Structure formats: structure tokens, C-alpha cells
Amino acid sequence: MRLQGASNKEKDLKTDVLIYGTKARNRAIHGDVVAVELLPQKEWKRRTAALGENEGEEKTPGEVYGEPMPTGKVVGILQKNWREYVVTFPSREENQLHSKNAQKVLVTPWDYRIPKIRISTQQAEALQDFRVVVRIDSWESTSLYPNGHFVRVVGRIGDLEGEIKTILVENTVSVSPFSEAQMCEMPTLIQEKPWQVSAEEQQKRLDLRETHLVFSIDPKGCEDVDDALSIRLLPNGNLELGVHIADVTHFVAANSYTDMEAKAR
């Protein structure tokens, strides 16, 4: 657990606090902001040895002789930061072994720091080869696992497009289409009336069209040309190469719908 701000009473405590075991975690999810109570110093554990015991990692001699570090337990969750999680389903045999109710399934998150999540579904067998998105709804004090619900299918396990979507979801990168209100803030580009840079705006820019060879390396037919290269021969015989990128801020007004969406993403 990483300390935040100056909310700890131990003024000399400048290291992370080790939370060892499910009970000490007290239903906190990775990313939550929590309140922690330090254990007596005699109960402190070695970081790597404790993690090895918890995660089943193989210990090395260097891990065994680590110094005990501040160890504590979660006594309150100040802010939940639950998000969407990509998970996989267990095999039919594994599900029958761990669940008495065929419709209750323990799914395994792609992010190993997140505990298994219990969801209700009749499609577990059909979705065994797929990555799906779930959300956590609650975590009862009497349960080892949080409860959640199915949101959508991401893609088949091992499929390139599905794996890319998994990475985007796990890093909370939104790729949803822009809304109509946001699109209306953009300049329209039609053949009869193509968009052009205004004369006023041109005065603010460095014009390289007459002094440099300016071109794009985007493929033919590309509709989103957003970069360009420039090149010119210097008097000493050297070549000056420029790399240029579109100025998106010119089209996005402060506090506009598009600006708000950009902040959210």
C-alpha cells in the first residue's frame, strides 16, 4: 500500500505499508483509497517473503532475509475506485468444483491484483474462450469475493483485436465514438466548401511553403493527415529536417464538449 498525503499519524513513517493477506485487506480493491491501522512492530513482516507466501511465488535467499517493514490492516475504505475489469471464465469442471450454484461463477480478472469476482450467468460455458468485461456491484462482509455483473464481450482469448481492447479497458482508455454535440464543434469539410486556414491565423504561423519542401508520409487516400515533414538545404550543405504535428488545440475551445471529453479520457 502506498501512502498518500500527511494523513498518517506516524511522522517518521516514510515507507510503504505492507497489507498481508485477504483478511487484512478487508475487501479493499487495488486503487481504493483506504485508512490503515499499523500493527505492533513485532508483527511486521518482510515484504518479499510475505508476498511470496501470499502469491505462491518462489522465494530466493535474498527475499528470506529482507528487513521487516511496517505492516498494517485496512480499517476503512475512504474512496472506492471500482472500474470495469476484463476477466476470463473457469472451465466447466473448475466451476462445478468451486460453486454449488451453476449460475454463480467466479471469474478471474486479467489484472492479477484484483480478486476473483462472482457473477450470475447462464453463459459461462459458452464464454470460456472469451475475455469479457464485468463490473463490481458489492462486497459483502461475509464473502471472500465481491459480487459483480456481466457488461460485454471483449473478444476471443488470443485474438489480436480482443487483446488490444483488453489493454485499453484495463488502462481505462476510452475509444468510444464522439457524440453529435462534440462533432458539431468541429469544422465541416465538404467538397463544395472546403475548410481553409483563415488569413488571420496564417499570420500567427510560421509559413514554410515557399522555403521548404513540405510533405506527408501518410498513405494515399488517408483521411486523417495529422503530421508532416519539411526539409531544406542549408548554406553549409547540411539538410534541415522538420517534423510537424497538427495543432489540435486550434479546434478545441476551452470548456467545450470536446474539451470536457478530452479531460475525461
Foldseek 3Di string as FASTA:
>chain_A
DADDDDPDPPPPDDDDAAEADLVLAQPAAPPFDFDKDWDPPVPFDQVQVRVCVVVVNDDDPVSVPGDGDTYTGTPGTPGHDWAKFKWAFDAQVVQVVPDVDSQWGFTGTPPNRGGTEIEGDPCRNVRRQFIFIKTFDADDSVDSHTYIYTDGTQGGPPDPNSVVVNVCRVVVNDPDDDDPQVVVLADDADPVDGDDDDPVVVVVDDDCPVPWDKAAPDDPPDPDGFKIKTWHADPVRDIDIDIGGHDVCVSDDPPGPVNVVVVVD
